[in-house]
Amino acid sequence: MSKMKLTSFFGILLLLISSFFVSCKDEVLPKPTSQLRLEYPVATYAAFENECPFTFNMNENAVIKGEKDCGFTINYPKMKATIYLTYKPVNHNLEKLLKDAQKLTYEHVIKADDILEQPYINPNKKVYGMFYRVSGNAATNAQFYVTDSVKHFLTGSVYFYAKPNFDSILPAADYIRNDMQTLMETLKWK
């Protein structure tokens, strides 16, 4: 090959390569990650009552299942979450029951960013307790306990069947937390 043909070949090749880079004016950017928009039906509540020594209102969209000793699970299948209710009679063991309920909440301190305590006092119904809002990537984001200080003690906590990622479950967590507060505030001892 002659020197002139070789120079002309490299010239054309250089021109093609440079035109390729110059022609790409739009910078290619990856699409930003998006979050699924979750919307839930407006909560409607109905009274729940059985042979246990308490009644409460619960979301009609949830499914309740009785367990042993007046314990219950309230399932939210679309949200992959369950509220666990545990009933204990008070038999001169109120201090132990309170410590156990508080210990259960504060076991989440390792993963929680913050735990907000909201006392609940309703002297007309003799219902006294505490509602805990747990923020961060903890296994539960809400727990509560209520008692009449004499005969009854009930605890509740919500768990999601997903890896705890507070940002992704926030809409469902808020929805269920409102249901838990309604349950606690409408609770009546028999």
N, C-alpha and C. Protein backbone atom coordinates (compact mmCIF):
# COMPACT_ATOMS: atom_id res chain seq x y z
N MET A 1 0.84 -1.16 0.00
CA MET A 1 0.00 0.00 0.00
C MET A 1 0.90 1.23 0.00
N SER A 2 0.49 2.19 -0.76
CA SER A 2 1.32 3.39 -0.86
C SER A 2 1.09 4.26 0.37
N LYS A 3 2.07 5.13 0.59
CA LYS A 3 2.04 5.99 1.75
C LYS A 3 0.85 6.95 1.69
N MET A 4 0.47 7.42 0.51
CA MET A 4 -0.63 8.35 0.33
C MET A 4 -1.97 7.68 0.61
N LYS A 5 -2.11 6.43 0.13
CA LYS A 5 -3.36 5.71 0.39
C LYS A 5 -3.51 5.41 1.88
N LEU A 6 -2.41 5.10 2.54
CA LEU A 6 -2.43 4.80 3.96
C LEU A 6 -2.79 6.05 4.76
N THR A 7 -2.25 7.19 4.41
CA THR A 7 -2.56 8.45 5.07
C THR A 7 -4.01 8.81 4.84
N SER A 8 -4.49 8.64 3.64
CA SER A 8 -5.88 8.95 3.32
C SER A 8 -6.83 8.00 4.07
N PHE A 9 -6.45 6.71 4.21
CA PHE A 9 -7.26 5.73 4.94
C PHE A 9 -7.38 6.15 6.40
N PHE A 10 -6.24 6.49 7.04
CA PHE A 10 -6.25 6.91 8.44
C PHE A 10 -6.99 8.24 8.61
N GLY A 11 -6.90 9.10 7.64
CA GLY A 11 -7.61 10.38 7.68
C GLY A 11 -9.12 10.16 7.69
N ILE A 12 -9.58 9.27 6.82
CA ILE A 12 -11.02 8.97 6.75
C ILE A 12 -11.45 8.29 8.05
N LEU A 13 -10.64 7.36 8.54
CA LEU A 13 -10.96 6.66 9.78
C LEU A 13 -11.04 7.66 10.95
N LEU A 14 -10.08 8.57 11.02
CA LEU A 14 -10.06 9.58 12.06
C LEU A 14 -11.29 10.50 11.95
N LEU A 15 -11.66 10.85 10.73
CA LEU A 15 -12.83 11.68 10.50
C LEU A 15 -14.10 10.97 10.96
N LEU A 16 -14.24 9.68 10.66
CA LEU A 16 -15.41 8.91 11.08
C LEU A 16 -15.49 8.81 12.61
N ILE A 17 -14.36 8.52 13.23
CA ILE A 17 -14.36 8.39 14.70
C ILE A 17 -14.69 9.72 15.36
N SER A 18 -14.09 10.80 14.89
CA SER A 18 -14.35 12.11 15.49
C SER A 18 -15.79 12.55 15.24
N SER A 19 -16.35 12.24 14.08
CA SER A 19 -17.74 12.62 13.82
C SER A 19 -18.70 11.82 14.71
N PHE A 20 -18.31 10.60 15.04
CA PHE A 20 -19.12 9.78 15.94
C PHE A 20 -19.20 10.44 17.32
N PHE A 21 -18.07 10.89 17.85
CA PHE A 21 -18.06 11.52 19.17
C PHE A 21 -18.68 12.91 19.17
N VAL A 22 -18.52 13.63 18.10
CA VAL A 22 -19.08 14.98 18.02
C VAL A 22 -20.59 14.92 17.84
N SER A 23 -21.08 13.91 17.15
CA SER A 23 -22.52 13.84 16.86
C SER A 23 -23.34 13.48 18.09
N CYS A 24 -22.73 12.90 19.11
CA CYS A 24 -23.47 12.53 20.33
C CYS A 24 -23.54 13.73 21.25
N LYS A 25 -24.52 14.57 21.03
CA LYS A 25 -24.64 15.79 21.82
C LYS A 25 -25.44 15.56 23.10
N ASP A 26 -26.45 14.71 23.07
CA ASP A 26 -27.25 14.45 24.26
C ASP A 26 -26.51 13.49 25.16
N GLU A 27 -26.33 13.92 26.39
CA GLU A 27 -25.66 13.07 27.36
C GLU A 27 -26.67 12.03 27.84
N VAL A 28 -26.27 10.80 27.88
CA VAL A 28 -27.16 9.72 28.31
C VAL A 28 -27.08 9.64 29.83
N LEU A 29 -28.23 9.78 30.47
CA LEU A 29 -28.31 9.70 31.93
C LEU A 29 -29.20 8.54 32.32
N PRO A 30 -28.85 7.84 33.39
CA PRO A 30 -29.73 6.76 33.85
C PRO A 30 -31.01 7.35 34.42
N LYS A 31 -32.08 6.60 34.32
CA LYS A 31 -33.36 7.05 34.87
C LYS A 31 -33.27 7.02 36.40
N PRO A 32 -33.84 8.03 37.05
CA PRO A 32 -33.81 8.01 38.52
C PRO A 32 -34.70 6.89 39.04
N THR A 33 -34.33 6.37 40.21
CA THR A 33 -35.16 5.32 40.79
C THR A 33 -36.49 5.93 41.20
N SER A 34 -37.52 5.17 41.07
CA SER A 34 -38.85 5.67 41.42
C SER A 34 -39.45 4.79 42.50
N GLN A 35 -40.39 5.33 43.20
CA GLN A 35 -41.09 4.61 44.24
C GLN A 35 -42.51 4.33 43.77
N LEU A 36 -43.00 3.19 44.12
CA LEU A 36 -44.36 2.81 43.80
C LEU A 36 -45.32 3.67 44.62
N ARG A 37 -46.30 4.25 43.97
CA ARG A 37 -47.28 5.06 44.69
C ARG A 37 -48.35 4.12 45.24
N LEU A 38 -48.45 4.08 46.55
CA LEU A 38 -49.39 3.19 47.21
C LEU A 38 -50.55 3.99 47.76
N GLU A 39 -51.74 3.59 47.38
CA GLU A 39 -52.94 4.22 47.90
C GLU A 39 -53.82 3.14 48.50
N TYR A 40 -54.40 3.44 49.64
CA TYR A 40 -55.22 2.47 50.34
C TYR A 40 -56.62 3.03 50.52
N PRO A 41 -57.61 2.14 50.67
CA PRO A 41 -58.98 2.62 50.83
C PRO A 41 -59.13 3.39 52.15
N VAL A 42 -60.08 4.27 52.18
CA VAL A 42 -60.37 5.01 53.41
C VAL A 42 -60.81 3.98 54.46
N ALA A 43 -60.23 4.10 55.63
CA ALA A 43 -60.52 3.13 56.69
C ALA A 43 -61.93 3.34 57.24
N THR A 44 -62.66 2.25 57.31
CA THR A 44 -63.96 2.24 58.00
C THR A 44 -63.85 1.22 59.12
N TYR A 45 -64.38 1.59 60.27
CA TYR A 45 -64.19 0.77 61.46
C TYR A 45 -65.50 0.16 61.93
N ALA A 46 -65.38 -1.04 62.47
CA ALA A 46 -66.54 -1.75 63.03
C ALA A 46 -66.14 -2.31 64.38
N ALA A 47 -67.10 -2.44 65.26
CA ALA A 47 -66.83 -2.97 66.59
C ALA A 47 -66.53 -4.46 66.50
N PHE A 48 -65.53 -4.88 67.26
CA PHE A 48 -65.21 -6.30 67.38
C PHE A 48 -65.46 -6.72 68.82
N GLU A 49 -66.22 -7.79 68.95
CA GLU A 49 -66.54 -8.29 70.29
C GLU A 49 -66.66 -9.80 70.24
N ASN A 50 -66.14 -10.45 71.27
CA ASN A 50 -66.32 -11.88 71.45
C ASN A 50 -66.32 -12.17 72.95
N GLU A 51 -65.95 -13.37 73.37
CA GLU A 51 -66.02 -13.73 74.79
C GLU A 51 -64.87 -13.15 75.61
N CYS A 52 -63.90 -12.52 75.00
CA CYS A 52 -62.77 -11.94 75.73
C CYS A 52 -63.21 -10.73 76.54
N PRO A 53 -62.43 -10.32 77.55
CA PRO A 53 -62.85 -9.25 78.45
C PRO A 53 -62.64 -7.83 77.91
N PHE A 54 -62.64 -7.66 76.60
CA PHE A 54 -62.48 -6.33 76.01
C PHE A 54 -63.12 -6.30 74.63
N THR A 55 -63.44 -5.10 74.18
CA THR A 55 -63.95 -4.87 72.82
C THR A 55 -63.15 -3.71 72.23
N PHE A 56 -63.17 -3.61 70.91
CA PHE A 56 -62.48 -2.50 70.24
C PHE A 56 -63.02 -2.37 68.84
N ASN A 57 -62.70 -1.27 68.19
CA ASN A 57 -63.05 -1.06 66.79
C ASN A 57 -61.83 -1.41 65.93
N MET A 58 -62.10 -2.05 64.80
CA MET A 58 -61.01 -2.40 63.89
C MET A 58 -61.41 -2.11 62.45
N ASN A 59 -60.42 -1.98 61.62
CA ASN A 59 -60.61 -1.69 60.19
C ASN A 59 -61.34 -2.86 59.54
N GLU A 60 -62.40 -2.55 58.79
CA GLU A 60 -63.16 -3.59 58.11
C GLU A 60 -62.37 -4.26 56.98
N ASN A 61 -61.28 -3.64 56.51
CA ASN A 61 -60.46 -4.23 55.45
C ASN A 61 -59.45 -5.24 55.98
N ALA A 62 -59.32 -5.34 57.29
CA ALA A 62 -58.38 -6.28 57.91
C ALA A 62 -59.11 -7.58 58.24
N VAL A 63 -58.32 -8.64 58.41
CA VAL A 63 -58.86 -9.96 58.73
C VAL A 63 -58.36 -10.36 60.12
N ILE A 64 -59.28 -10.59 61.05
CA ILE A 64 -58.88 -10.93 62.41
C ILE A 64 -59.00 -12.44 62.63
N LYS A 65 -58.05 -12.97 63.38
CA LYS A 65 -58.03 -14.40 63.68
C LYS A 65 -57.72 -14.55 65.16
N GLY A 66 -58.55 -15.31 65.86
CA GLY A 66 -58.36 -15.54 67.29
C GLY A 66 -57.23 -16.52 67.54
N GLU A 67 -56.45 -16.24 68.53
CA GLU A 67 -55.39 -17.13 68.98
C GLU A 67 -55.77 -17.62 70.38
N LYS A 68 -54.85 -18.21 71.08
CA LYS A 68 -55.16 -18.72 72.42
C LYS A 68 -55.15 -17.59 73.45
N ASP A 69 -55.89 -17.75 74.50
CA ASP A 69 -55.92 -16.84 75.64
C ASP A 69 -56.23 -15.39 75.26
N CYS A 70 -57.21 -15.19 74.41
CA CYS A 70 -57.66 -13.86 73.97
C CYS A 70 -56.58 -13.05 73.27
N GLY A 71 -55.68 -13.73 72.61
CA GLY A 71 -54.72 -13.06 71.73
C GLY A 71 -55.29 -13.10 70.32
N PHE A 72 -54.90 -12.13 69.51
CA PHE A 72 -55.43 -12.04 68.15
C PHE A 72 -54.33 -11.63 67.18
N THR A 73 -54.53 -12.02 65.92
CA THR A 73 -53.73 -11.46 64.83
C THR A 73 -54.70 -10.75 63.90
N ILE A 74 -54.33 -9.54 63.52
CA ILE A 74 -55.13 -8.76 62.59
C ILE A 74 -54.28 -8.60 61.34
N ASN A 75 -54.67 -9.29 60.27
CA ASN A 75 -53.87 -9.34 59.06
C ASN A 75 -54.32 -8.31 58.03
N TYR A 76 -53.33 -7.76 57.34
CA TYR A 76 -53.52 -6.85 56.22
C TYR A 76 -52.82 -7.50 55.02
N PRO A 77 -53.51 -8.41 54.32
CA PRO A 77 -52.85 -9.19 53.26
C PRO A 77 -52.26 -8.33 52.14
N LYS A 78 -52.93 -7.26 51.74
CA LYS A 78 -52.42 -6.43 50.64
C LYS A 78 -51.16 -5.66 51.04
N MET A 79 -50.99 -5.44 52.33
CA MET A 79 -49.82 -4.71 52.82
C MET A 79 -48.76 -5.63 53.39
N LYS A 80 -49.06 -6.91 53.45
CA LYS A 80 -48.15 -7.91 54.02
C LYS A 80 -47.73 -7.52 55.43
N ALA A 81 -48.75 -7.26 56.25
CA ALA A 81 -48.49 -6.84 57.63
C ALA A 81 -49.50 -7.49 58.56
N THR A 82 -49.10 -7.61 59.82
CA THR A 82 -49.98 -8.19 60.85
C THR A 82 -49.81 -7.42 62.15
N ILE A 83 -50.92 -7.13 62.79
CA ILE A 83 -50.92 -6.60 64.15
C ILE A 83 -51.12 -7.79 65.08
N TYR A 84 -50.24 -7.92 66.06
CA TYR A 84 -50.34 -8.99 67.06
C TYR A 84 -50.85 -8.39 68.36
N LEU A 85 -51.96 -8.92 68.87
CA LEU A 85 -52.52 -8.49 70.15
C LEU A 85 -52.33 -9.62 71.15
N THR A 86 -51.81 -9.28 72.33
CA THR A 86 -51.59 -10.26 73.38
C THR A 86 -52.26 -9.77 74.65
N TYR A 87 -53.14 -10.61 75.20
CA TYR A 87 -53.85 -10.26 76.43
C TYR A 87 -53.26 -11.04 77.60
N LYS A 88 -53.11 -10.35 78.72
CA LYS A 88 -52.65 -10.99 79.96
C LYS A 88 -53.51 -10.48 81.10
N PRO A 89 -53.99 -11.36 81.96
CA PRO A 89 -54.69 -10.88 83.15
C PRO A 89 -53.68 -10.31 84.16
N VAL A 90 -54.09 -9.31 84.90
CA VAL A 90 -53.23 -8.73 85.93
C VAL A 90 -53.50 -9.46 87.23
N ASN A 91 -52.49 -10.09 87.77
CA ASN A 91 -52.56 -10.82 89.05
C ASN A 91 -51.37 -10.41 89.90
N HIS A 92 -51.39 -9.21 90.44
CA HIS A 92 -50.28 -8.68 91.24
C HIS A 92 -48.97 -8.69 90.45
N ASN A 93 -49.06 -8.60 89.11
CA ASN A 93 -47.86 -8.63 88.26
C ASN A 93 -47.82 -7.46 87.29
N LEU A 94 -48.50 -6.38 87.62
CA LEU A 94 -48.57 -5.24 86.71
C LEU A 94 -47.19 -4.66 86.41
N GLU A 95 -46.34 -4.56 87.42
CA GLU A 95 -45.00 -4.01 87.21
C GLU A 95 -44.21 -4.85 86.21
N LYS A 96 -44.30 -6.17 86.32
CA LYS A 96 -43.60 -7.06 85.38
C LYS A 96 -44.17 -6.92 83.97
N LEU A 97 -45.48 -6.85 83.84
CA LEU A 97 -46.11 -6.69 82.53
C LEU A 97 -45.68 -5.38 81.87
N LEU A 98 -45.63 -4.31 82.65
CA LEU A 98 -45.20 -3.02 82.12
C LEU A 98 -43.74 -3.07 81.67
N LYS A 99 -42.88 -3.67 82.48
CA LYS A 99 -41.46 -3.78 82.12
C LYS A 99 -41.28 -4.61 80.86
N ASP A 100 -42.02 -5.71 80.74
CA ASP A 100 -41.92 -6.56 79.54
C ASP A 100 -42.36 -5.81 78.28
N ALA A 101 -43.44 -5.05 78.39
CA ALA A 101 -43.95 -4.29 77.24
C ALA A 101 -42.95 -3.22 76.83
N GLN A 102 -42.37 -2.53 77.79
CA GLN A 102 -41.39 -1.50 77.49
C GLN A 102 -40.10 -2.11 76.94
N LYS A 103 -39.70 -3.24 77.49
CA LYS A 103 -38.48 -3.93 77.01
C LYS A 103 -38.65 -4.34 75.55
N LEU A 104 -39.82 -4.87 75.22
CA LEU A 104 -40.10 -5.29 73.84
C LEU A 104 -39.94 -4.12 72.87
N THR A 105 -40.43 -2.96 73.26
CA THR A 105 -40.30 -1.78 72.40
C THR A 105 -38.85 -1.35 72.28
N TYR A 106 -38.15 -1.27 73.38
CA TYR A 106 -36.80 -0.72 73.35
C TYR A 106 -35.75 -1.71 72.85
N GLU A 107 -36.14 -2.95 72.55
CA GLU A 107 -35.23 -3.87 71.87
C GLU A 107 -34.96 -3.41 70.44
N HIS A 108 -35.80 -2.53 69.91
CA HIS A 108 -35.66 -2.03 68.55
C HIS A 108 -34.77 -0.80 68.46
N VAL A 109 -34.20 -0.37 69.59
CA VAL A 109 -33.37 0.84 69.63
C VAL A 109 -32.17 0.70 68.68
N ILE A 110 -31.65 -0.48 68.51
CA ILE A 110 -30.46 -0.69 67.67
C ILE A 110 -30.73 -0.23 66.24
N LYS A 111 -31.88 -0.57 65.69
CA LYS A 111 -32.21 -0.22 64.30
C LYS A 111 -33.04 1.05 64.18
N ALA A 112 -33.68 1.47 65.26
CA ALA A 112 -34.58 2.61 65.21
C ALA A 112 -33.81 3.92 65.20
N ASP A 113 -34.34 4.89 64.46
CA ASP A 113 -33.79 6.24 64.49
C ASP A 113 -34.33 7.02 65.68
N ASP A 114 -35.57 6.72 66.05
CA ASP A 114 -36.22 7.44 67.14
C ASP A 114 -37.41 6.63 67.63
N ILE A 115 -37.70 6.72 68.91
CA ILE A 115 -38.90 6.11 69.48
C ILE A 115 -39.66 7.21 70.22
N LEU A 116 -40.85 7.50 69.73
CA LEU A 116 -41.68 8.55 70.31
C LEU A 116 -42.75 7.89 71.18
N GLU A 117 -42.80 8.29 72.44
CA GLU A 117 -43.79 7.76 73.38
C GLU A 117 -44.98 8.71 73.45
N GLN A 118 -46.18 8.17 73.29
CA GLN A 118 -47.40 8.97 73.41
C GLN A 118 -48.28 8.34 74.49
N PRO A 119 -48.33 8.92 75.69
CA PRO A 119 -49.19 8.36 76.74
C PRO A 119 -50.67 8.45 76.34
N TYR A 120 -51.42 7.47 76.80
CA TYR A 120 -52.87 7.47 76.54
C TYR A 120 -53.57 7.28 77.88
N ILE A 121 -54.47 8.20 78.21
CA ILE A 121 -55.21 8.13 79.47
C ILE A 121 -56.68 8.42 79.18
N ASN A 122 -57.54 7.45 79.51
CA ASN A 122 -58.97 7.64 79.38
C ASN A 122 -59.62 7.17 80.68
N PRO A 123 -59.74 8.06 81.67
CA PRO A 123 -60.28 7.64 82.96
C PRO A 123 -61.75 7.20 82.90
N ASN A 124 -62.52 7.70 81.94
CA ASN A 124 -63.93 7.29 81.82
C ASN A 124 -64.06 5.80 81.51
N LYS A 125 -63.17 5.28 80.66
CA LYS A 125 -63.20 3.86 80.31
C LYS A 125 -62.19 3.05 81.12
N LYS A 126 -61.43 3.72 81.98
CA LYS A 126 -60.38 3.09 82.78
C LYS A 126 -59.35 2.40 81.88
N VAL A 127 -58.93 3.11 80.85
CA VAL A 127 -57.92 2.61 79.92
C VAL A 127 -56.72 3.55 79.99
N TYR A 128 -55.57 2.98 80.34
CA TYR A 128 -54.34 3.74 80.49
C TYR A 128 -53.24 2.99 79.74
N GLY A 129 -52.42 3.73 79.04
CA GLY A 129 -51.37 3.03 78.31
C GLY A 129 -50.38 3.95 77.64
N MET A 130 -49.64 3.36 76.71
CA MET A 130 -48.60 4.07 75.98
C MET A 130 -48.60 3.57 74.54
N PHE A 131 -48.48 4.53 73.62
CA PHE A 131 -48.35 4.21 72.19
C PHE A 131 -46.95 4.61 71.77
N TYR A 132 -46.23 3.69 71.11
CA TYR A 132 -44.86 3.95 70.67
C TYR A 132 -44.81 4.04 69.15
N ARG A 133 -44.25 5.13 68.66
CA ARG A 133 -43.99 5.29 67.22
C ARG A 133 -42.49 5.08 67.03
N VAL A 134 -42.14 4.04 66.30
CA VAL A 134 -40.74 3.69 66.08
C VAL A 134 -40.39 4.07 64.65
N SER A 135 -39.43 4.99 64.49
CA SER A 135 -39.04 5.37 63.14
C SER A 135 -37.65 4.80 62.84
N GLY A 136 -37.43 4.50 61.57
CA GLY A 136 -36.18 3.89 61.14
C GLY A 136 -36.43 2.49 60.62
N ASN A 137 -35.38 1.76 60.38
CA ASN A 137 -35.49 0.42 59.80
C ASN A 137 -35.63 -0.67 60.85
N ALA A 138 -36.47 -0.45 61.83
CA ALA A 138 -36.73 -1.44 62.87
C ALA A 138 -37.76 -2.45 62.37
N ALA A 139 -37.84 -3.59 63.04
CA ALA A 139 -38.77 -4.64 62.63
C ALA A 139 -40.22 -4.22 62.79
N THR A 140 -40.50 -3.36 63.74
CA THR A 140 -41.85 -2.85 63.96
C THR A 140 -41.80 -1.34 63.98
N ASN A 141 -42.87 -0.70 63.55
CA ASN A 141 -42.88 0.76 63.58
C ASN A 141 -43.90 1.31 64.56
N ALA A 142 -44.68 0.44 65.18
CA ALA A 142 -45.67 0.89 66.16
C ALA A 142 -45.97 -0.23 67.15
N GLN A 143 -46.07 0.16 68.41
CA GLN A 143 -46.46 -0.77 69.47
C GLN A 143 -47.25 0.00 70.51
N PHE A 144 -48.04 -0.73 71.28
CA PHE A 144 -48.77 -0.09 72.37
C PHE A 144 -49.05 -1.09 73.47
N TYR A 145 -49.37 -0.56 74.64
CA TYR A 145 -49.94 -1.37 75.69
C TYR A 145 -51.02 -0.55 76.37
N VAL A 146 -52.04 -1.24 76.86
CA VAL A 146 -53.12 -0.60 77.63
C VAL A 146 -53.47 -1.51 78.81
N THR A 147 -53.94 -0.88 79.86
CA THR A 147 -54.32 -1.62 81.06
C THR A 147 -55.38 -0.83 81.82
N ASP A 148 -56.08 -1.54 82.70
CA ASP A 148 -56.96 -0.85 83.64
C ASP A 148 -56.28 -0.77 85.01
N SER A 149 -55.08 -1.29 85.10
CA SER A 149 -54.22 -1.31 86.30
C SER A 149 -54.70 -2.27 87.37
N VAL A 150 -55.78 -2.99 87.13
CA VAL A 150 -56.32 -3.87 88.15
C VAL A 150 -56.48 -5.31 87.65
N LYS A 151 -57.12 -5.48 86.47
CA LYS A 151 -57.44 -6.82 85.97
C LYS A 151 -56.87 -7.14 84.59
N HIS A 152 -56.73 -6.16 83.73
CA HIS A 152 -56.47 -6.41 82.31
C HIS A 152 -55.20 -5.72 81.81
N PHE A 153 -54.53 -6.39 80.87
CA PHE A 153 -53.34 -5.84 80.22
C PHE A 153 -53.30 -6.35 78.78
N LEU A 154 -53.20 -5.44 77.82
CA LEU A 154 -53.19 -5.81 76.40
C LEU A 154 -52.05 -5.09 75.70
N THR A 155 -51.28 -5.84 74.91
CA THR A 155 -50.20 -5.25 74.11
C THR A 155 -50.51 -5.47 72.64
N GLY A 156 -50.00 -4.59 71.81
CA GLY A 156 -50.16 -4.71 70.36
C GLY A 156 -48.90 -4.24 69.65
N SER A 157 -48.55 -4.93 68.58
CA SER A 157 -47.40 -4.53 67.76
C SER A 157 -47.66 -4.95 66.32
N VAL A 158 -47.10 -4.18 65.40
CA VAL A 158 -47.28 -4.48 63.98
C VAL A 158 -45.94 -4.93 63.40
N TYR A 159 -46.00 -5.93 62.54
CA TYR A 159 -44.81 -6.43 61.83
C TYR A 159 -45.15 -6.58 60.35
N PHE A 160 -44.21 -6.18 59.52
CA PHE A 160 -44.35 -6.32 58.07
C PHE A 160 -43.55 -7.53 57.61
N TYR A 161 -44.07 -8.25 56.62
CA TYR A 161 -43.38 -9.41 56.07
C TYR A 161 -42.52 -8.98 54.89
N ALA A 162 -41.61 -8.09 55.19
CA ALA A 162 -40.68 -7.57 54.19
C ALA A 162 -39.46 -7.07 54.94
N LYS A 163 -38.35 -6.95 54.22
CA LYS A 163 -37.15 -6.40 54.84
C LYS A 163 -37.46 -4.99 55.30
N PRO A 164 -37.14 -4.66 56.57
CA PRO A 164 -37.48 -3.33 57.05
C PRO A 164 -36.73 -2.24 56.28
N ASN A 165 -37.45 -1.50 55.49
CA ASN A 165 -36.93 -0.33 54.78
C ASN A 165 -37.98 0.75 54.99
N PHE A 166 -37.74 1.59 55.97
CA PHE A 166 -38.73 2.54 56.44
C PHE A 166 -39.33 3.38 55.32
N ASP A 167 -38.50 3.83 54.37
CA ASP A 167 -39.00 4.68 53.30
C ASP A 167 -40.00 3.96 52.41
N SER A 168 -39.76 2.69 52.11
CA SER A 168 -40.63 1.99 51.16
C SER A 168 -41.94 1.55 51.78
N ILE A 169 -41.96 1.29 53.09
CA ILE A 169 -43.22 0.85 53.72
C ILE A 169 -43.96 1.98 54.42
N LEU A 170 -43.45 3.20 54.30
CA LEU A 170 -44.03 4.32 55.04
C LEU A 170 -45.54 4.51 54.83
N PRO A 171 -46.07 4.47 53.59
CA PRO A 171 -47.53 4.65 53.44
C PRO A 171 -48.32 3.55 54.17
N ALA A 172 -47.89 2.32 54.04
CA ALA A 172 -48.59 1.22 54.72
C ALA A 172 -48.41 1.33 56.23
N ALA A 173 -47.23 1.71 56.67
CA ALA A 173 -46.96 1.85 58.10
C ALA A 173 -47.84 2.93 58.71
N ASP A 174 -47.98 4.05 58.04
CA ASP A 174 -48.85 5.13 58.53
C ASP A 174 -50.31 4.68 58.61
N TYR A 175 -50.75 3.97 57.58
CA TYR A 175 -52.13 3.49 57.52
C TYR A 175 -52.42 2.56 58.71
N ILE A 176 -51.54 1.60 58.92
CA ILE A 176 -51.76 0.63 60.00
C ILE A 176 -51.56 1.28 61.37
N ARG A 177 -50.63 2.21 61.48
CA ARG A 177 -50.43 2.91 62.75
C ARG A 177 -51.72 3.64 63.15
N ASN A 178 -52.40 4.26 62.18
CA ASN A 178 -53.69 4.91 62.48
C ASN A 178 -54.71 3.89 62.95
N ASP A 179 -54.72 2.71 62.33
CA ASP A 179 -55.64 1.66 62.78
C ASP A 179 -55.33 1.21 64.20
N MET A 180 -54.04 1.11 64.53
CA MET A 180 -53.65 0.70 65.88
C MET A 180 -54.07 1.75 66.91
N GLN A 181 -53.91 3.01 66.58
CA GLN A 181 -54.33 4.06 67.51
C GLN A 181 -55.84 4.04 67.70
N THR A 182 -56.58 3.81 66.62
CA THR A 182 -58.04 3.71 66.73
C THR A 182 -58.42 2.54 67.61
N LEU A 183 -57.76 1.40 67.41
CA LEU A 183 -58.03 0.21 68.22
C LEU A 183 -57.79 0.54 69.70
N MET A 184 -56.66 1.16 70.00
CA MET A 184 -56.31 1.48 71.38
C MET A 184 -57.30 2.49 71.98
N GLU A 185 -57.68 3.50 71.22
CA GLU A 185 -58.55 4.55 71.74
C GLU A 185 -60.01 4.12 71.85
N THR A 186 -60.41 3.08 71.15
CA THR A 186 -61.80 2.60 71.24
C THR A 186 -61.93 1.37 72.15
N LEU A 187 -60.83 0.93 72.73
CA LEU A 187 -60.86 -0.26 73.58
C LEU A 187 -61.69 -0.01 74.83
N LYS A 188 -62.52 -0.99 75.16
CA LYS A 188 -63.33 -0.95 76.40
C LYS A 188 -63.18 -2.28 77.11
N TRP A 189 -63.03 -2.20 78.41
CA TRP A 189 -62.98 -3.43 79.23
C TRP A 189 -64.40 -3.85 79.55
N LYS A 190 -64.64 -5.14 79.62
CA LYS A 190 -65.97 -5.65 79.98
C LYS A 190 -66.07 -5.81 81.49
